[in-house]
Amino acid sequence: MRVHLGCDHAGLELKSHLTDWLRDQGHEPVDHGPFVFDALDDYPVFCLRAAAGAATDQAAGVEALGVVIGGSGNGEQMAANKVAGIRCALVWSEETAALAREHNDANVVSVGGRMHTVEEMTRFVEVFLATPFSHDERHVRRIGQLASYEATGELPPLPESARGGDA
């Protein structure tokens, strides 16, 4: 599988480790930077490219996912989610990594380089890459609602139970 990687300075060490680890696991890492430490770098520059790479590959039928890394992973997740077709999940455990794929069909994962050990984060990425989407009808429906909103800007209709008296 092709795995697109992007980070900021706080994720540089983990990204370097993951690049080697992914290659050793038979994956094809694509490093979108940064390539040198710069404490003032801007994560969107690199994380948008990693997410766009994953989205472009998937649209072309290439099996691909993405990993973005920062100090907390929050900003990197936000950046990745600005790319059309991307569902990026911030993970902090093996369970959240698995659920991101199983329930949300996330195609990019965000991890916080200052929040966990290299070993823990490697395991989160390993679980994320190995977990398939469940294709359960309710998850497919919910992802469809997100995709529709992304394409049209129209909110999904409220269910009858949520309309209240005057809605």
N, C-alpha and C. Protein backbone atom coordinates (compact mmCIF):
# COMPACT_ATOMS: atom_id res chain seq x y z
N MET A 1 0.84 -1.17 0.00
CA MET A 1 0.00 0.00 0.00
C MET A 1 0.89 1.24 0.00
N ARG A 2 0.45 2.26 -0.72
CA ARG A 2 1.16 3.53 -0.72
C ARG A 2 0.68 4.33 0.49
N VAL A 3 1.61 4.89 1.24
CA VAL A 3 1.27 5.67 2.44
C VAL A 3 1.93 7.03 2.33
N HIS A 4 1.10 8.07 2.25
CA HIS A 4 1.58 9.45 2.16
C HIS A 4 1.80 10.01 3.56
N LEU A 5 2.95 10.64 3.76
CA LEU A 5 3.34 11.15 5.07
C LEU A 5 3.62 12.65 5.01
N GLY A 6 3.16 13.37 6.03
CA GLY A 6 3.47 14.78 6.18
C GLY A 6 3.45 15.12 7.66
N CYS A 7 4.23 16.14 8.04
CA CYS A 7 4.30 16.49 9.46
C CYS A 7 4.77 17.92 9.62
N ASP A 8 4.97 18.31 10.87
CA ASP A 8 5.69 19.53 11.18
C ASP A 8 6.95 19.13 11.94
N HIS A 9 7.66 20.12 12.47
CA HIS A 9 8.92 19.83 13.17
C HIS A 9 8.75 18.86 14.33
N ALA A 10 7.59 18.90 15.00
CA ALA A 10 7.36 18.01 16.15
C ALA A 10 7.17 16.56 15.73
N GLY A 11 6.87 16.32 14.46
CA GLY A 11 6.67 14.96 13.98
C GLY A 11 7.80 14.43 13.13
N LEU A 12 8.84 15.23 12.97
CA LEU A 12 9.92 14.86 12.05
C LEU A 12 10.59 13.53 12.43
N GLU A 13 10.88 13.33 13.71
CA GLU A 13 11.54 12.09 14.14
C GLU A 13 10.64 10.88 13.89
N LEU A 14 9.36 11.00 14.24
CA LEU A 14 8.44 9.88 14.01
C LEU A 14 8.27 9.62 12.52
N LYS A 15 8.16 10.67 11.71
CA LYS A 15 7.99 10.47 10.26
C LYS A 15 9.18 9.73 9.68
N SER A 16 10.37 10.08 10.13
CA SER A 16 11.57 9.37 9.65
C SER A 16 11.51 7.90 10.05
N HIS A 17 11.15 7.64 11.30
CA HIS A 17 11.01 6.26 11.77
C HIS A 17 9.94 5.51 10.96
N LEU A 18 8.79 6.16 10.78
CA LEU A 18 7.69 5.49 10.06
C LEU A 18 8.05 5.21 8.60
N THR A 19 8.79 6.10 7.99
CA THR A 19 9.18 5.88 6.59
C THR A 19 9.96 4.57 6.46
N ASP A 20 10.91 4.39 7.34
CA ASP A 20 11.69 3.14 7.33
C ASP A 20 10.82 1.95 7.70
N TRP A 21 10.01 2.10 8.75
CA TRP A 21 9.14 1.01 9.22
C TRP A 21 8.17 0.59 8.13
N LEU A 22 7.56 1.55 7.45
CA LEU A 22 6.61 1.25 6.37
C LEU A 22 7.29 0.47 5.25
N ARG A 23 8.47 0.91 4.87
CA ARG A 23 9.22 0.21 3.82
C ARG A 23 9.53 -1.22 4.25
N ASP A 24 9.93 -1.39 5.51
CA ASP A 24 10.22 -2.73 6.04
C ASP A 24 8.99 -3.63 6.07
N GLN A 25 7.80 -3.03 6.18
CA GLN A 25 6.54 -3.77 6.21
C GLN A 25 5.98 -4.02 4.80
N GLY A 26 6.70 -3.59 3.77
CA GLY A 26 6.28 -3.83 2.40
C GLY A 26 5.40 -2.74 1.82
N HIS A 27 5.27 -1.61 2.51
CA HIS A 27 4.48 -0.49 2.00
C HIS A 27 5.38 0.44 1.20
N GLU A 28 4.76 1.35 0.49
CA GLU A 28 5.48 2.34 -0.29
C GLU A 28 5.27 3.71 0.34
N PRO A 29 6.19 4.18 1.19
CA PRO A 29 6.01 5.50 1.79
C PRO A 29 6.30 6.61 0.79
N VAL A 30 5.50 7.66 0.85
CA VAL A 30 5.71 8.86 0.03
C VAL A 30 5.82 10.01 1.01
N ASP A 31 7.02 10.56 1.13
CA ASP A 31 7.32 11.59 2.11
C ASP A 31 7.10 12.97 1.50
N HIS A 32 6.14 13.71 2.06
CA HIS A 32 5.82 15.05 1.57
C HIS A 32 6.49 16.14 2.40
N GLY A 33 7.39 15.74 3.30
CA GLY A 33 8.15 16.71 4.06
C GLY A 33 7.55 17.00 5.42
N PRO A 34 8.28 17.80 6.15
CA PRO A 34 9.56 18.44 5.86
C PRO A 34 10.71 17.43 5.90
N PHE A 35 11.85 17.89 5.42
CA PHE A 35 13.01 17.01 5.34
C PHE A 35 14.14 17.44 6.27
N VAL A 36 14.02 18.63 6.84
CA VAL A 36 14.98 19.15 7.82
C VAL A 36 14.20 19.79 8.95
N PHE A 37 14.82 19.86 10.12
CA PHE A 37 14.17 20.46 11.28
C PHE A 37 14.13 21.98 11.13
N ASP A 38 12.94 22.52 11.28
CA ASP A 38 12.73 23.97 11.31
C ASP A 38 11.62 24.22 12.32
N ALA A 39 11.98 24.74 13.48
CA ALA A 39 11.03 24.93 14.57
C ALA A 39 9.90 25.89 14.20
N LEU A 40 10.05 26.64 13.11
CA LEU A 40 9.02 27.59 12.70
C LEU A 40 8.27 27.15 11.44
N ASP A 41 8.41 25.88 11.07
CA ASP A 41 7.72 25.43 9.86
C ASP A 41 6.21 25.44 10.05
N ASP A 42 5.49 25.37 8.95
CA ASP A 42 4.03 25.42 8.94
C ASP A 42 3.48 24.08 8.50
N TYR A 43 2.79 23.37 9.42
CA TYR A 43 2.28 22.03 9.13
C TYR A 43 1.34 21.96 7.93
N PRO A 44 0.53 23.01 7.63
CA PRO A 44 -0.36 22.85 6.47
C PRO A 44 0.39 22.58 5.16
N VAL A 45 1.57 23.16 5.02
CA VAL A 45 2.35 22.98 3.79
C VAL A 45 2.56 21.50 3.50
N PHE A 46 2.84 20.73 4.53
CA PHE A 46 3.19 19.32 4.36
C PHE A 46 1.99 18.39 4.51
N CYS A 47 1.10 18.72 5.43
CA CYS A 47 -0.05 17.84 5.69
C CYS A 47 -1.08 17.93 4.57
N LEU A 48 -1.27 19.11 4.01
CA LEU A 48 -2.18 19.22 2.86
C LEU A 48 -1.66 18.39 1.69
N ARG A 49 -0.37 18.40 1.47
CA ARG A 49 0.21 17.61 0.37
C ARG A 49 0.07 16.10 0.61
N ALA A 50 0.27 15.67 1.86
CA ALA A 50 0.11 14.25 2.17
C ALA A 50 -1.33 13.81 1.94
N ALA A 51 -2.28 14.61 2.43
CA ALA A 51 -3.70 14.27 2.25
C ALA A 51 -4.09 14.32 0.78
N ALA A 52 -3.61 15.32 0.06
CA ALA A 52 -3.93 15.42 -1.37
C ALA A 52 -3.34 14.24 -2.14
N GLY A 53 -2.15 13.80 -1.75
CA GLY A 53 -1.56 12.62 -2.38
C GLY A 53 -2.40 11.38 -2.18
N ALA A 54 -2.89 11.19 -0.95
CA ALA A 54 -3.76 10.04 -0.67
C ALA A 54 -5.06 10.14 -1.47
N ALA A 55 -5.66 11.32 -1.50
CA ALA A 55 -6.92 11.51 -2.24
C ALA A 55 -6.73 11.28 -3.73
N THR A 56 -5.65 11.80 -4.29
CA THR A 56 -5.38 11.65 -5.72
C THR A 56 -5.16 10.18 -6.06
N ASP A 57 -4.37 9.50 -5.26
CA ASP A 57 -4.13 8.07 -5.50
C ASP A 57 -5.42 7.28 -5.42
N GLN A 58 -6.22 7.52 -4.39
CA GLN A 58 -7.47 6.78 -4.24
C GLN A 58 -8.40 7.03 -5.42
N ALA A 59 -8.48 8.27 -5.88
CA ALA A 59 -9.33 8.59 -7.03
C ALA A 59 -8.85 7.86 -8.29
N ALA A 60 -7.56 7.57 -8.36
CA ALA A 60 -6.98 6.86 -9.51
C ALA A 60 -7.03 5.35 -9.33
N GLY A 61 -7.61 4.88 -8.22
CA GLY A 61 -7.71 3.44 -7.98
C GLY A 61 -6.49 2.83 -7.33
N VAL A 62 -5.58 3.66 -6.84
CA VAL A 62 -4.39 3.17 -6.17
C VAL A 62 -4.71 2.98 -4.69
N GLU A 63 -4.32 1.83 -4.13
CA GLU A 63 -4.53 1.59 -2.71
C GLU A 63 -3.57 2.49 -1.93
N ALA A 64 -4.14 3.50 -1.24
CA ALA A 64 -3.32 4.48 -0.55
C ALA A 64 -4.04 5.03 0.67
N LEU A 65 -3.26 5.34 1.68
CA LEU A 65 -3.73 6.02 2.88
C LEU A 65 -2.70 7.08 3.23
N GLY A 66 -2.98 7.85 4.28
CA GLY A 66 -2.05 8.89 4.68
C GLY A 66 -1.86 8.93 6.18
N VAL A 67 -0.72 9.50 6.58
CA VAL A 67 -0.39 9.71 7.99
C VAL A 67 0.14 11.13 8.11
N VAL A 68 -0.46 11.92 9.02
CA VAL A 68 0.04 13.25 9.32
C VAL A 68 0.39 13.30 10.80
N ILE A 69 1.45 14.03 11.12
CA ILE A 69 2.01 14.00 12.47
C ILE A 69 2.37 15.41 12.91
N GLY A 70 2.02 15.73 14.13
CA GLY A 70 2.41 17.00 14.73
C GLY A 70 2.64 16.82 16.20
N GLY A 71 2.73 17.92 16.94
CA GLY A 71 2.90 17.83 18.38
C GLY A 71 1.72 17.15 19.04
N SER A 72 0.52 17.65 18.74
CA SER A 72 -0.70 17.03 19.27
C SER A 72 -1.46 16.25 18.21
N GLY A 73 -1.25 16.58 16.96
CA GLY A 73 -1.99 15.97 15.86
C GLY A 73 -3.26 16.73 15.51
N ASN A 74 -3.66 17.69 16.35
CA ASN A 74 -4.91 18.40 16.10
C ASN A 74 -4.87 19.25 14.84
N GLY A 75 -3.90 20.15 14.73
CA GLY A 75 -3.82 21.01 13.56
C GLY A 75 -3.60 20.22 12.28
N GLU A 76 -2.81 19.18 12.39
CA GLU A 76 -2.53 18.34 11.22
C GLU A 76 -3.80 17.65 10.74
N GLN A 77 -4.62 17.20 11.67
CA GLN A 77 -5.91 16.61 11.31
C GLN A 77 -6.79 17.64 10.62
N MET A 78 -6.85 18.83 11.18
CA MET A 78 -7.67 19.89 10.58
C MET A 78 -7.22 20.20 9.16
N ALA A 79 -5.91 20.28 8.96
CA ALA A 79 -5.39 20.55 7.62
C ALA A 79 -5.78 19.44 6.66
N ALA A 80 -5.54 18.20 7.04
CA ALA A 80 -5.85 17.08 6.15
C ALA A 80 -7.33 17.06 5.79
N ASN A 81 -8.19 17.39 6.74
CA ASN A 81 -9.63 17.34 6.49
C ASN A 81 -10.12 18.46 5.58
N LYS A 82 -9.27 19.40 5.23
CA LYS A 82 -9.64 20.43 4.25
C LYS A 82 -9.54 19.92 2.81
N VAL A 83 -8.90 18.78 2.62
CA VAL A 83 -8.74 18.21 1.28
C VAL A 83 -10.00 17.41 0.93
N ALA A 84 -10.59 17.73 -0.22
CA ALA A 84 -11.81 17.04 -0.65
C ALA A 84 -11.59 15.53 -0.68
N GLY A 85 -12.54 14.82 -0.10
CA GLY A 85 -12.49 13.37 -0.09
C GLY A 85 -11.72 12.76 1.05
N ILE A 86 -11.14 13.58 1.89
CA ILE A 86 -10.34 13.06 3.01
C ILE A 86 -11.18 13.03 4.28
N ARG A 87 -11.05 11.91 4.98
CA ARG A 87 -11.60 11.75 6.33
C ARG A 87 -10.42 11.38 7.21
N CYS A 88 -9.91 12.39 7.91
CA CYS A 88 -8.73 12.20 8.76
C CYS A 88 -9.17 12.12 10.21
N ALA A 89 -8.69 11.11 10.91
CA ALA A 89 -9.02 10.89 12.31
C ALA A 89 -7.78 11.07 13.18
N LEU A 90 -7.95 11.81 14.27
CA LEU A 90 -6.91 11.91 15.29
C LEU A 90 -7.01 10.68 16.17
N VAL A 91 -5.92 9.94 16.28
CA VAL A 91 -5.94 8.72 17.09
C VAL A 91 -4.99 8.85 18.25
N TRP A 92 -5.36 8.21 19.36
CA TRP A 92 -4.56 8.24 20.57
C TRP A 92 -4.50 6.87 21.24
N SER A 93 -5.04 5.86 20.58
CA SER A 93 -5.02 4.50 21.12
C SER A 93 -5.19 3.53 19.96
N GLU A 94 -4.94 2.26 20.25
CA GLU A 94 -5.18 1.24 19.22
C GLU A 94 -6.66 1.20 18.87
N GLU A 95 -7.51 1.36 19.87
CA GLU A 95 -8.96 1.31 19.63
C GLU A 95 -9.41 2.45 18.72
N THR A 96 -8.94 3.67 18.97
CA THR A 96 -9.37 4.77 18.09
C THR A 96 -8.81 4.61 16.69
N ALA A 97 -7.62 4.02 16.58
CA ALA A 97 -7.05 3.75 15.25
C ALA A 97 -7.91 2.75 14.48
N ALA A 98 -8.32 1.69 15.16
CA ALA A 98 -9.15 0.67 14.51
C ALA A 98 -10.53 1.23 14.16
N LEU A 99 -11.15 1.96 15.08
CA LEU A 99 -12.49 2.50 14.82
C LEU A 99 -12.48 3.54 13.70
N ALA A 100 -11.39 4.28 13.58
CA ALA A 100 -11.29 5.26 12.50
C ALA A 100 -11.47 4.59 11.14
N ARG A 101 -10.89 3.41 10.98
CA ARG A 101 -11.03 2.67 9.72
C ARG A 101 -12.36 1.91 9.68
N GLU A 102 -12.64 1.17 10.74
CA GLU A 102 -13.78 0.26 10.76
C GLU A 102 -15.12 1.00 10.62
N HIS A 103 -15.29 2.09 11.34
CA HIS A 103 -16.57 2.81 11.35
C HIS A 103 -16.59 4.02 10.43
N ASN A 104 -15.45 4.70 10.28
CA ASN A 104 -15.43 5.96 9.54
C ASN A 104 -14.74 5.89 8.20
N ASP A 105 -14.18 4.76 7.86
CA ASP A 105 -13.41 4.60 6.63
C ASP A 105 -12.43 5.75 6.45
N ALA A 106 -11.78 6.15 7.57
CA ALA A 106 -10.79 7.22 7.50
C ALA A 106 -9.70 6.82 6.53
N ASN A 107 -9.25 7.79 5.75
CA ASN A 107 -8.19 7.49 4.79
C ASN A 107 -6.88 8.21 5.13
N VAL A 108 -6.91 8.99 6.19
CA VAL A 108 -5.70 9.60 6.74
C VAL A 108 -5.82 9.51 8.26
N VAL A 109 -4.70 9.27 8.92
CA VAL A 109 -4.66 9.24 10.38
C VAL A 109 -3.70 10.33 10.84
N SER A 110 -4.08 10.97 11.95
CA SER A 110 -3.23 11.99 12.56
C SER A 110 -2.81 11.51 13.94
N VAL A 111 -1.52 11.68 14.24
CA VAL A 111 -1.00 11.30 15.55
C VAL A 111 -0.18 12.44 16.13
N GLY A 112 -0.17 12.51 17.45
CA GLY A 112 0.58 13.53 18.16
C GLY A 112 1.95 13.06 18.57
N GLY A 113 2.97 13.62 17.98
CA GLY A 113 4.33 13.20 18.25
C GLY A 113 4.82 13.50 19.65
N ARG A 114 4.15 14.42 20.33
CA ARG A 114 4.54 14.73 21.71
C ARG A 114 3.63 14.06 22.72
N MET A 115 2.71 13.26 22.28
CA MET A 115 1.70 12.67 23.15
C MET A 115 1.98 11.21 23.50
N HIS A 116 2.81 10.54 22.69
CA HIS A 116 3.02 9.11 22.83
C HIS A 116 4.46 8.76 22.49
N THR A 117 4.85 7.55 22.83
CA THR A 117 6.17 7.07 22.45
C THR A 117 6.16 6.72 20.96
N VAL A 118 7.34 6.61 20.39
CA VAL A 118 7.47 6.19 19.00
C VAL A 118 6.85 4.80 18.82
N GLU A 119 7.06 3.93 19.77
CA GLU A 119 6.52 2.57 19.68
C GLU A 119 4.99 2.59 19.68
N GLU A 120 4.39 3.40 20.56
CA GLU A 120 2.93 3.49 20.61
C GLU A 120 2.37 4.03 19.29
N MET A 121 2.96 5.09 18.80
CA MET A 121 2.45 5.69 17.56
C MET A 121 2.65 4.76 16.37
N THR A 122 3.74 4.04 16.34
CA THR A 122 3.95 3.06 15.28
C THR A 122 2.84 2.02 15.33
N ARG A 123 2.50 1.58 16.52
CA ARG A 123 1.43 0.58 16.68
C ARG A 123 0.10 1.17 16.22
N PHE A 124 -0.20 2.44 16.55
CA PHE A 124 -1.45 3.07 16.09
C PHE A 124 -1.52 3.05 14.57
N VAL A 125 -0.43 3.41 13.92
CA VAL A 125 -0.39 3.42 12.46
C VAL A 125 -0.54 2.00 11.92
N GLU A 126 0.12 1.04 12.55
CA GLU A 126 0.01 -0.36 12.13
C GLU A 126 -1.45 -0.83 12.19
N VAL A 127 -2.13 -0.54 13.29
CA VAL A 127 -3.54 -0.93 13.44
C VAL A 127 -4.39 -0.22 12.39
N PHE A 128 -4.16 1.05 12.20
CA PHE A 128 -4.91 1.83 11.21
C PHE A 128 -4.78 1.22 9.82
N LEU A 129 -3.56 0.92 9.41
CA LEU A 129 -3.33 0.37 8.07
C LEU A 129 -3.92 -1.02 7.90
N ALA A 130 -3.97 -1.80 8.98
CA ALA A 130 -4.40 -3.19 8.89
C ALA A 130 -5.92 -3.36 9.04
N THR A 131 -6.62 -2.36 9.52
CA THR A 131 -8.04 -2.51 9.81
C THR A 131 -8.87 -2.14 8.58
N PRO A 132 -9.74 -3.04 8.14
CA PRO A 132 -10.61 -2.72 6.99
C PRO A 132 -11.87 -1.96 7.44
N PHE A 133 -12.47 -1.28 6.50
CA PHE A 133 -13.76 -0.63 6.72
C PHE A 133 -14.83 -1.73 6.82
N SER A 134 -15.77 -1.57 7.73
CA SER A 134 -16.77 -2.61 7.98
C SER A 134 -17.83 -2.71 6.88
N HIS A 135 -18.10 -1.64 6.17
CA HIS A 135 -19.16 -1.56 5.16
C HIS A 135 -20.55 -1.76 5.77
N ASP A 136 -20.65 -1.62 7.08
CA ASP A 136 -21.95 -1.68 7.75
C ASP A 136 -22.83 -0.54 7.21
N GLU A 137 -24.09 -0.84 6.96
CA GLU A 137 -25.00 0.11 6.31
C GLU A 137 -25.04 1.45 7.01
N ARG A 138 -25.07 1.48 8.34
CA ARG A 138 -25.16 2.76 9.05
C ARG A 138 -23.91 3.59 8.85
N HIS A 139 -22.75 2.94 8.77
CA HIS A 139 -21.51 3.69 8.55
C HIS A 139 -21.43 4.20 7.12
N VAL A 140 -21.85 3.38 6.17
CA VAL A 140 -21.89 3.81 4.77
C VAL A 140 -22.83 5.01 4.63
N ARG A 141 -23.99 4.95 5.28
CA ARG A 141 -24.97 6.06 5.22
C ARG A 141 -24.37 7.35 5.78
N ARG A 142 -23.72 7.24 6.91
CA ARG A 142 -23.15 8.44 7.55
C ARG A 142 -22.02 9.04 6.73
N ILE A 143 -21.18 8.20 6.17
CA ILE A 143 -20.10 8.70 5.31
C ILE A 143 -20.70 9.35 4.06
N GLY A 144 -21.77 8.77 3.55
CA GLY A 144 -22.47 9.37 2.41
C GLY A 144 -23.01 10.75 2.73
N GLN A 145 -23.52 10.94 3.93
CA GLN A 145 -24.01 12.26 4.33
C GLN A 145 -22.87 13.27 4.36
N LEU A 146 -21.72 12.86 4.86
CA LEU A 146 -20.56 13.75 4.88
C LEU A 146 -20.11 14.09 3.45
N ALA A 147 -20.05 13.09 2.60
CA ALA A 147 -19.61 13.32 1.22
C ALA A 147 -20.59 14.22 0.48
N SER A 148 -21.86 14.02 0.71
CA SER A 148 -22.88 14.86 0.08
C SER A 148 -22.73 16.31 0.53
N TYR A 149 -22.55 16.52 1.82
CA TYR A 149 -22.37 17.88 2.33
C TYR A 149 -21.11 18.51 1.75
N GLU A 150 -20.05 17.73 1.68
CA GLU A 150 -18.79 18.23 1.11
C GLU A 150 -18.99 18.69 -0.33
N ALA A 151 -19.78 17.95 -1.09
CA ALA A 151 -19.99 18.24 -2.51
C ALA A 151 -20.99 19.38 -2.74
N THR A 152 -22.02 19.45 -1.89
CA THR A 152 -23.11 20.39 -2.18
C THR A 152 -23.22 21.55 -1.19
N GLY A 153 -22.71 21.36 0.02
CA GLY A 153 -22.88 22.37 1.06
C GLY A 153 -24.25 22.35 1.70
N GLU A 154 -25.07 21.38 1.31
CA GLU A 154 -26.43 21.27 1.88
C GLU A 154 -26.42 20.31 3.05
N LEU A 155 -27.01 20.77 4.17
CA LEU A 155 -27.07 19.93 5.36
C LEU A 155 -28.03 18.77 5.14
N PRO A 156 -27.74 17.62 5.72
CA PRO A 156 -28.68 16.50 5.62
C PRO A 156 -29.96 16.84 6.38
N PRO A 157 -31.07 16.30 5.96
CA PRO A 157 -32.32 16.61 6.66
C PRO A 157 -32.31 16.07 8.09
N LEU A 158 -32.97 16.82 8.97
CA LEU A 158 -33.11 16.35 10.34
C LEU A 158 -34.08 15.19 10.39
N PRO A 159 -33.79 14.20 11.23
CA PRO A 159 -34.77 13.12 11.40
C PRO A 159 -36.01 13.67 12.11
N GLU A 160 -37.11 13.03 11.90
CA GLU A 160 -38.37 13.46 12.50
C GLU A 160 -38.25 13.63 14.01
N SER A 161 -37.54 12.73 14.66
CA SER A 161 -37.42 12.77 16.12
C SER A 161 -36.65 13.99 16.63
N ALA A 162 -35.89 14.65 15.76
CA ALA A 162 -35.07 15.79 16.18
C ALA A 162 -35.71 17.14 15.83
N ARG A 163 -36.87 17.13 15.22
CA ARG A 163 -37.46 18.38 14.71
C ARG A 163 -38.16 19.20 15.77
N GLY A 164 -38.63 18.58 16.81
CA GLY A 164 -39.30 19.33 17.87
C GLY A 164 -40.61 19.93 17.38
N GLY A 165 -41.14 20.84 18.14
CA GLY A 165 -42.46 21.40 17.84
C GLY A 165 -42.49 22.35 16.66
N ASP A 166 -41.51 23.25 16.54
CA ASP A 166 -41.61 24.29 15.50
C ASP A 166 -40.62 24.10 14.37
N ALA A 167 -39.85 23.06 14.36
CA ALA A 167 -38.81 22.92 13.35
C ALA A 167 -39.28 22.43 12.05
